[in-house]
Amino acid sequence: MISGYSHHGLGRKALLVFYGMLATSEVPNYMTFIGVLSACAHLGLVDDDGFYYLNQLMKEKGVEPGLEHYTCIIGLLGKQVVEIILKLDPDDVGTYVMLSNMYTKARKWDGVANVRKFMRGREIKKEPGVSWIQVKNNTHVFVSEDKNHKESIQIHEKLAELLSQIKLLGYVPDIATALHDMDDEQNE
């Protein structure tokens, strides 16, 4: 039950079951402590409970910590780092972009969605990417998602043509870490 509650993000319920277990003669085992530490990670309980369970209670109960336990502690610390960074400069767009990119790389789509939702709620917007190229002493500026360039249609047609040609040569775009809420064609 502890692991089930913890797995579904119900950390408080998991810990209540654990406290009830400790009040009886039941002895927590290796798997129990994975659930408990995971619950602590969900709740952000680093100093209060997480390290106590890992460093003291597991020893008292004769359970040797393993990779899974340390992974939970790393998750705990990561969550705490995010909270600290966001408190340092809550309006820094770069922090949110970096956090979103980290969640994307780890394929943690809920994390990506939460960051975006938080940004929308605080009205924090990422500046669009800007590129430019100089051709025959003429500078062409391109802004991400901008359709205002006078040759926008021709540029997109040429890009589509080039993409189809390189696919014929064996190119397969890696869209695994691209934005999760866009269709595959946009990500390519």
Foldseek 3Di string as FASTA:
>chain_A
DLQVCLVVLNLVVSVVVVVVCVVDPHQDEQVSLLSNLSSCLSVLPQPPPLCCCQPPVCVVSVYDHDPSSVVSNVSSVVVVVLVVVCVVPVQDPVSLVVQLLVCLVVVVLVSNVVSVVVCVVVVRDDAWDKDWDADPNDIDIDTPPDCPDPCSVVVVVVVVVVVVVVVVVPDDDDQSSPDPPDDPVVSD
